[in-house]
Amino acid sequence: MASPLAWATDAPVDFNREVRPILSDRCYGCHGPDADKGRKAGLRLDEFTGATKKLKSGDSAIVPGDLEKSAMTHRISSTDPEEIMPPPELHRPLSAAEKDILRRWIKQGAKYDPHWAFVSPSSHATPAIADSSWAKDPLDAFIADKAAKAGLKPSVAADRTTLLRRASFALTGLPPTNAEVDAFLSDQSADAYEKRVDAMLASPRFGEHIA
């Protein structure tokens, strides 16, 4: 059988999306921020300082970048009911995928990213794109930039009849009538599409469709 330490890969781990949910669900009950709830072994796993400090045993739960020296690595891999974490009596064992995430996270430095709710918003420069005519607003430029990096090209703009049909099916569940199509095609104002969408949102068919 391969050593559990060999399972770790180099795929980047997102702390907030992958690691935090595991720690919060399986570990914070005994090793979280609430000391008055009987924190076990003086270990906190909700913060970097607490997770990496030396414990009474002389070990550290997490030694960033070192799987062998990290007690967590051995605890989550153990089959000994006296050592394995989470404890068997909790009946919430880690899956193989969750163990792999924790190992990779430790191997990659065990970085604790702040929760997104506490991160100040920051602005990003709108990326320059090859076909600026495709981008109607800054959001389009970001989408086009990501698509270009992935080797993708934007689809050809849909004709007005197709746009109306898509909007009608999405908002009312029905195709537009011939009269609605003719009225839309004959309206050459800059906000023709917006007016047609507003009309569909105000129609009884919209309410019936989403009910």
C-alpha atoms as a PDB file:
ATOM      1  CA  MET A   1       0.000   0.000   0.000  1.00  0.00           C
ATOM      2  CA  ALA A   2       1.305   3.440  -0.884  1.00  0.00           C
ATOM      3  CA  SER A   3       2.221   5.796   1.924  1.00  0.00           C
ATOM      4  CA  PRO A   4      -0.496   8.417   2.570  1.00  0.00           C
ATOM      5  CA  LEU A   5       2.238  11.032   2.292  1.00  0.00           C
ATOM      6  CA  ALA A   6       2.643  10.082  -1.355  1.00  0.00           C
ATOM      7  CA  TRP A   7      -0.935  11.000  -2.176  1.00  0.00           C
ATOM      8  CA  ALA A   8      -0.256  14.740  -2.052  1.00  0.00           C
ATOM      9  CA  THR A   9      -0.148  16.373  -5.461  1.00  0.00           C
ATOM     10  CA  ASP A  10       0.850  19.799  -6.677  1.00  0.00           C
ATOM     11  CA  ALA A  11      -2.674  20.924  -7.616  1.00  0.00           C
ATOM     12  CA  PRO A  12      -3.213  24.342  -5.956  1.00  0.00           C
ATOM     13  CA  VAL A  13      -5.559  24.320  -2.973  1.00  0.00           C
ATOM     14  CA  ASP A  14      -8.021  27.140  -2.313  1.00  0.00           C
ATOM     15  CA  PHE A  15      -8.219  27.603   1.465  1.00  0.00           C
ATOM     16  CA  ASN A  16     -11.610  29.291   1.636  1.00  0.00           C
ATOM     17  CA  ARG A  17     -13.288  27.004  -0.881  1.00  0.00           C
ATOM     18  CA  GLU A  18     -11.699  23.659   0.005  1.00  0.00           C
ATOM     19  CA  VAL A  19      -9.933  23.712   3.369  1.00  0.00           C
ATOM     20  CA  ARG A  20     -11.977  26.042   5.552  1.00  0.00           C
ATOM     21  CA  PRO A  21     -15.219  24.018   5.118  1.00  0.00           C
ATOM     22  CA  ILE A  22     -13.425  20.834   6.211  1.00  0.00           C
ATOM     23  CA  LEU A  23     -11.835  22.419   9.274  1.00  0.00           C
ATOM     24  CA  SER A  24     -15.057  24.191  10.224  1.00  0.00           C
ATOM     25  CA  ASP A  25     -17.191  21.065   9.894  1.00  0.00           C
ATOM     26  CA  ARG A  26     -14.830  18.502  11.410  1.00  0.00           C
ATOM     27  CA  CYS A  27     -12.351  20.336  13.637  1.00  0.00           C
ATOM     28  CA  TYR A  28     -13.627  23.625  15.051  1.00  0.00           C
ATOM     29  CA  GLY A  29     -15.941  21.907  17.514  1.00  0.00           C
ATOM     30  CA  CYS A  30     -12.886  20.874  19.556  1.00  0.00           C
ATOM     31  CA  HIS A  31     -10.159  23.087  18.103  1.00  0.00           C
ATOM     32  CA  GLY A  32     -11.979  26.263  17.135  1.00  0.00           C
ATOM     33  CA  PRO A  33     -12.128  29.863  18.370  1.00  0.00           C
ATOM     34  CA  ASP A  34     -14.402  29.235  21.370  1.00  0.00           C
ATOM     35  CA  ALA A  35     -12.126  28.452  24.319  1.00  0.00           C
ATOM     36  CA  ASP A  36     -15.094  28.418  26.719  1.00  0.00           C
ATOM     37  CA  LYS A  37     -16.520  25.393  24.890  1.00  0.00           C
ATOM     38  CA  GLY A  38     -13.692  23.138  26.005  1.00  0.00           C
ATOM     39  CA  ARG A  39     -10.993  23.498  23.401  1.00  0.00           C
ATOM     40  CA  LYS A  40      -8.998  20.250  23.338  1.00  0.00           C
ATOM     41  CA  ALA A  41      -5.220  20.074  23.832  1.00  0.00           C
ATOM     42  CA  GLY A  42      -4.942  23.859  23.645  1.00  0.00           C
ATOM     43  CA  LEU A  43      -5.034  23.557  19.864  1.00  0.00           C
ATOM     44  CA  ARG A  44      -6.678  26.098  17.579  1.00  0.00           C
ATOM     45  CA  LEU A  45      -7.072  25.224  13.929  1.00  0.00           C
ATOM     46  CA  ASP A  46      -9.000  28.329  12.906  1.00  0.00           C
ATOM     47  CA  GLU A  47      -5.866  30.485  12.730  1.00  0.00           C
ATOM     48  CA  PHE A  48      -2.314  30.052  11.479  1.00  0.00           C
ATOM     49  CA  THR A  49      -0.580  30.911  14.770  1.00  0.00           C
ATOM     50  CA  GLY A  50      -2.612  28.442  16.803  1.00  0.00           C
ATOM     51  CA  ALA A  51      -2.338  25.672  14.217  1.00  0.00           C
ATOM     52  CA  THR A  52       1.438  25.910  13.910  1.00  0.00           C
ATOM     53  CA  LYS A  53       2.487  26.480  17.517  1.00  0.00           C
ATOM     54  CA  LYS A  54       4.272  23.824  19.574  1.00  0.00           C
ATOM     55  CA  LEU A  55       1.921  21.806  21.759  1.00  0.00           C
ATOM     56  CA  LYS A  56       2.669  20.189  25.121  1.00  0.00           C
ATOM     57  CA  SER A  57       3.624  17.029  23.280  1.00  0.00           C
ATOM     58  CA  GLY A  58       6.367  18.947  21.508  1.00  0.00           C
ATOM     59  CA  ASP A  59       4.678  18.513  18.141  1.00  0.00           C
ATOM     60  CA  SER A  60       2.859  21.020  15.973  1.00  0.00           C
ATOM     61  CA  ALA A  61      -0.435  20.137  14.342  1.00  0.00           C
ATOM     62  CA  ILE A  62       0.784  21.832  11.184  1.00  0.00           C
ATOM     63  CA  VAL A  63       4.338  22.457  10.028  1.00  0.00           C
ATOM     64  CA  PRO A  64       3.896  24.415   6.785  1.00  0.00           C
ATOM     65  CA  GLY A  65       5.456  22.602   3.859  1.00  0.00           C
ATOM     66  CA  ASP A  66       6.404  19.510   5.881  1.00  0.00           C
ATOM     67  CA  LEU A  67       3.942  16.623   5.838  1.00  0.00           C
ATOM     68  CA  GLU A  68       6.174  14.322   7.864  1.00  0.00           C
ATOM     69  CA  LYS A  69       6.506  16.745  10.791  1.00  0.00           C
ATOM     70  CA  SER A  70       2.850  17.794  10.795  1.00  0.00           C
ATOM     71  CA  ALA A  71       0.894  15.888  13.447  1.00  0.00           C
ATOM     72  CA  MET A  72      -2.309  16.492  11.490  1.00  0.00           C
ATOM     73  CA  THR A  73      -0.993  14.403   8.609  1.00  0.00           C
ATOM     74  CA  HIS A  74      -0.531  11.385  10.842  1.00  0.00           C
ATOM     75  CA  ARG A  75      -3.727  11.904  12.836  1.00  0.00           C
ATOM     76  CA  ILE A  76      -5.989  11.986   9.773  1.00  0.00           C
ATOM     77  CA  SER A  77      -4.231   8.917   8.318  1.00  0.00           C
ATOM     78  CA  SER A  78      -4.137   6.807  11.480  1.00  0.00           C
ATOM     79  CA  THR A  79      -6.274   3.709  11.981  1.00  0.00           C
ATOM     80  CA  ASP A  80      -5.754   3.773  15.749  1.00  0.00           C
ATOM     81  CA  PRO A  81      -9.037   4.877  17.383  1.00  0.00           C
ATOM     82  CA  GLU A  82      -7.003   6.628  20.096  1.00  0.00           C
ATOM     83  CA  GLU A  83      -5.156   8.778  17.553  1.00  0.00           C
ATOM     84  CA  ILE A  84      -7.317   9.251  14.489  1.00  0.00           C
ATOM     85  CA  MET A  85      -8.930  12.611  13.910  1.00  0.00           C
ATOM     86  CA  PRO A  86     -11.762  13.379  13.843  1.00  0.00           C
ATOM     87  CA  PRO A  87     -12.450  10.995  16.754  1.00  0.00           C
ATOM     88  CA  PRO A  88     -14.531   7.914  15.813  1.00  0.00           C
ATOM     89  CA  GLU A  89     -17.244   8.814  18.329  1.00  0.00           C
ATOM     90  CA  LEU A  90     -18.139  11.866  16.255  1.00  0.00           C
ATOM     91  CA  HIS A  91     -19.129   9.554  13.378  1.00  0.00           C
ATOM     92  CA  ARG A  92     -17.872  12.130  10.859  1.00  0.00           C
ATOM     93  CA  PRO A  93     -14.794  10.582   9.231  1.00  0.00           C
ATOM     94  CA  LEU A  94     -12.856  12.394   6.550  1.00  0.00           C
ATOM     95  CA  SER A  95     -13.164  11.087   3.020  1.00  0.00           C
ATOM     96  CA  ALA A  96     -10.069  10.187   1.025  1.00  0.00           C
ATOM     97  CA  ALA A  97     -10.574  13.341  -1.059  1.00  0.00           C
ATOM     98  CA  GLU A  98     -10.776  15.536   2.043  1.00  0.00           C
ATOM     99  CA  LYS A  99      -7.615  14.009   3.473  1.00  0.00           C
ATOM    100  CA  ASP A 100      -5.861  14.667   0.184  1.00  0.00           C
ATOM    101  CA  ILE A 101      -6.945  18.313   0.258  1.00  0.00           C
ATOM    102  CA  LEU A 102      -5.528  18.767   3.756  1.00  0.00           C
ATOM    103  CA  ARG A 103      -2.246  17.097   2.809  1.00  0.00           C
ATOM    104  CA  ARG A 104      -1.843  19.219  -0.297  1.00  0.00           C
ATOM    105  CA  TRP A 105      -2.673  22.351   1.668  1.00  0.00           C
ATOM    106  CA  ILE A 106      -0.002  21.590   4.270  1.00  0.00           C
ATOM    107  CA  LYS A 107       2.523  20.702   1.586  1.00  0.00           C
ATOM    108  CA  GLN A 108       1.830  24.008  -0.163  1.00  0.00           C
ATOM    109  CA  GLY A 109       2.512  26.031   2.983  1.00  0.00           C
ATOM    110  CA  ALA A 110      -0.787  25.832   4.905  1.00  0.00           C
ATOM    111  CA  LYS A 111      -1.750  29.380   3.981  1.00  0.00           C
ATOM    112  CA  TYR A 112      -4.738  30.786   5.855  1.00  0.00           C
ATOM    113  CA  ASP A 113      -6.629  33.203   3.618  1.00  0.00           C
ATOM    114  CA  PRO A 114      -9.025  35.634   5.327  1.00  0.00           C
ATOM    115  CA  HIS A 115     -12.715  35.028   4.811  1.00  0.00           C
ATOM    116  CA  TRP A 116     -13.923  36.937   1.749  1.00  0.00           C
ATOM    117  CA  ALA A 117     -16.455  38.840   3.868  1.00  0.00           C
ATOM    118  CA  PHE A 118     -13.618  40.541   5.740  1.00  0.00           C
ATOM    119  CA  VAL A 119     -11.497  41.435   2.721  1.00  0.00           C
ATOM    120  CA  SER A 120     -11.737  45.040   1.550  1.00  0.00           C
ATOM    121  CA  PRO A 121     -12.961  45.366  -2.029  1.00  0.00           C
ATOM    122  CA  SER A 122     -10.251  46.212  -4.520  1.00  0.00           C
ATOM    123  CA  SER A 123     -10.461  47.500  -8.053  1.00  0.00           C
ATOM    124  CA  HIS A 124      -8.828  45.815 -11.022  1.00  0.00           C
ATOM    125  CA  ALA A 125      -7.792  47.467 -14.235  1.00  0.00           C
ATOM    126  CA  THR A 126      -9.993  46.496 -17.157  1.00  0.00           C
ATOM    127  CA  PRO A 127      -7.922  44.147 -19.345  1.00  0.00           C
ATOM    128  CA  ALA A 128      -7.111  45.129 -22.906  1.00  0.00           C
ATOM    129  CA  ILE A 129      -8.626  42.731 -25.426  1.00  0.00           C
ATOM    130  CA  ALA A 130      -7.974  42.178 -29.115  1.00  0.00           C
ATOM    131  CA  ASP A 131     -11.565  42.765 -30.243  1.00  0.00           C
ATOM    132  CA  SER A 132     -12.805  45.731 -28.254  1.00  0.00           C
ATOM    133  CA  SER A 133     -15.996  45.908 -30.330  1.00  0.00           C
ATOM    134  CA  TRP A 134     -17.259  42.740 -28.629  1.00  0.00           C
ATOM    135  CA  ALA A 135     -17.096  44.225 -25.122  1.00  0.00           C
ATOM    136  CA  LYS A 136     -20.142  46.340 -24.341  1.00  0.00           C
ATOM    137  CA  ASP A 137     -19.020  47.067 -20.771  1.00  0.00           C
ATOM    138  CA  PRO A 138     -16.010  46.342 -18.482  1.00  0.00           C
ATOM    139  CA  LEU A 139     -17.460  42.982 -17.397  1.00  0.00           C
ATOM    140  CA  ASP A 140     -17.402  41.791 -21.008  1.00  0.00           C
ATOM    141  CA  ALA A 141     -13.706  42.696 -21.202  1.00  0.00           C
ATOM    142  CA  PHE A 142     -12.910  40.478 -18.208  1.00  0.00           C
ATOM    143  CA  ILE A 143     -14.903  37.604 -19.734  1.00  0.00           C
ATOM    144  CA  ALA A 144     -13.177  38.034 -23.099  1.00  0.00           C
ATOM    145  CA  ASP A 145      -9.764  38.126 -21.427  1.00  0.00           C
ATOM    146  CA  LYS A 146     -10.390  34.861 -19.555  1.00  0.00           C
ATOM    147  CA  ALA A 147     -11.813  33.240 -22.676  1.00  0.00           C
ATOM    148  CA  ALA A 148      -8.783  34.266 -24.744  1.00  0.00           C
ATOM    149  CA  LYS A 149      -6.416  32.796 -22.159  1.00  0.00           C
ATOM    150  CA  ALA A 150      -8.370  29.534 -22.393  1.00  0.00           C
ATOM    151  CA  GLY A 151      -8.094  29.563 -26.177  1.00  0.00           C
ATOM    152  CA  LEU A 152     -11.766  30.392 -26.680  1.00  0.00           C
ATOM    153  CA  LYS A 153     -13.392  32.939 -28.951  1.00  0.00           C
ATOM    154  CA  PRO A 154     -16.730  34.679 -28.376  1.00  0.00           C
ATOM    155  CA  SER A 155     -19.656  33.496 -30.435  1.00  0.00           C
ATOM    156  CA  VAL A 156     -20.965  35.643 -33.244  1.00  0.00           C
ATOM    157  CA  ALA A 157     -23.570  38.114 -32.004  1.00  0.00           C
ATOM    158  CA  ALA A 158     -27.097  36.765 -32.348  1.00  0.00           C
ATOM    159  CA  ASP A 159     -29.508  38.499 -34.716  1.00  0.00           C
ATOM    160  CA  ARG A 160     -32.377  40.498 -33.244  1.00  0.00           C
ATOM    161  CA  THR A 161     -35.015  37.846 -33.878  1.00  0.00           C
ATOM    162  CA  THR A 162     -32.935  35.251 -32.035  1.00  0.00           C
ATOM    163  CA  LEU A 163     -32.379  37.650 -29.123  1.00  0.00           C
ATOM    164  CA  LEU A 164     -36.103  38.227 -28.807  1.00  0.00           C
ATOM    165  CA  ARG A 165     -36.898  34.502 -28.931  1.00  0.00           C
ATOM    166  CA  ARG A 166     -34.309  33.754 -26.235  1.00  0.00           C
ATOM    167  CA  ALA A 167     -35.657  36.475 -23.976  1.00  0.00           C
ATOM    168  CA  SER A 168     -39.241  35.398 -24.527  1.00  0.00           C
ATOM    169  CA  PHE A 169     -38.599  31.738 -23.723  1.00  0.00           C
ATOM    170  CA  ALA A 170     -36.537  32.697 -20.665  1.00  0.00           C
ATOM    171  CA  LEU A 171     -39.071  35.151 -19.249  1.00  0.00           C
ATOM    172  CA  THR A 172     -42.435  33.760 -20.348  1.00  0.00           C
ATOM    173  CA  GLY A 173     -41.753  30.198 -21.428  1.00  0.00           C
ATOM    174  CA  LEU A 174     -43.366  30.996 -24.771  1.00  0.00           C
ATOM    175  CA  PRO A 175     -42.107  32.139 -28.174  1.00  0.00           C
ATOM    176  CA  PRO A 176     -42.829  35.734 -29.183  1.00  0.00           C
ATOM    177  CA  THR A 177     -45.867  36.301 -31.364  1.00  0.00           C
ATOM    178  CA  ASN A 178     -45.447  37.395 -34.972  1.00  0.00           C
ATOM    179  CA  ALA A 179     -46.738  40.812 -33.999  1.00  0.00           C
ATOM    180  CA  GLU A 180     -44.158  41.108 -31.223  1.00  0.00           C
ATOM    181  CA  VAL A 181     -41.362  40.119 -33.592  1.00  0.00           C
ATOM    182  CA  ASP A 182     -42.494  42.637 -36.208  1.00  0.00           C
ATOM    183  CA  ALA A 183     -42.811  45.399 -33.612  1.00  0.00           C
ATOM    184  CA  PHE A 184     -39.358  44.673 -32.226  1.00  0.00           C
ATOM    185  CA  LEU A 185     -37.680  44.562 -35.640  1.00  0.00           C
ATOM    186  CA  SER A 186     -39.287  47.825 -36.679  1.00  0.00           C
ATOM    187  CA  ASP A 187     -38.174  49.581 -33.482  1.00  0.00           C
ATOM    188  CA  GLN A 188     -34.688  50.894 -34.252  1.00  0.00           C
ATOM    189  CA  SER A 189     -34.283  52.867 -31.022  1.00  0.00           C
ATOM    190  CA  ALA A 190     -31.192  52.230 -28.890  1.00  0.00           C
ATOM    191  CA  ASP A 191     -33.278  50.803 -26.046  1.00  0.00           C
ATOM    192  CA  ALA A 192     -35.600  48.643 -28.153  1.00  0.00           C
ATOM    193  CA  TYR A 193     -34.436  45.418 -26.501  1.00  0.00           C
ATOM    194  CA  GLU A 194     -34.704  46.865 -22.991  1.00  0.00           C
ATOM    195  CA  LYS A 195     -38.260  48.048 -23.679  1.00  0.00           C
ATOM    196  CA  ARG A 196     -39.264  44.619 -24.978  1.00  0.00           C
ATOM    197  CA  VAL A 197     -37.780  42.901 -21.915  1.00  0.00           C
ATOM    198  CA  ASP A 198     -39.580  45.348 -19.601  1.00  0.00           C
ATOM    199  CA  ALA A 199     -42.839  44.585 -21.383  1.00  0.00           C
ATOM    200  CA  MET A 200     -42.352  40.846 -20.885  1.00  0.00           C
ATOM    201  CA  LEU A 201     -41.516  41.327 -17.211  1.00  0.00           C
ATOM    202  CA  ALA A 202     -44.723  43.322 -16.791  1.00  0.00           C
ATOM    203  CA  SER A 203     -46.893  40.760 -18.576  1.00  0.00           C
ATOM    204  CA  PRO A 204     -49.016  38.105 -16.800  1.00  0.00           C
ATOM    205  CA  ARG A 205     -47.126  35.440 -18.745  1.00  0.00           C
ATOM    206  CA  PHE A 206     -43.965  36.236 -16.783  1.00  0.00           C
ATOM    207  CA  GLY A 207     -45.719  35.677 -13.463  1.00  0.00           C
ATOM    208  CA  GLU A 208     -47.310  32.469 -14.704  1.00  0.00           C
ATOM    209  CA  HIS A 209     -43.964  31.184 -15.956  1.00  0.00           C
ATOM    210  CA  ILE A 210     -42.056  31.674 -12.703  1.00  0.00           C
ATOM    211  CA  ALA A 211     -44.904  30.683 -10.369  1.00  0.00           C
END
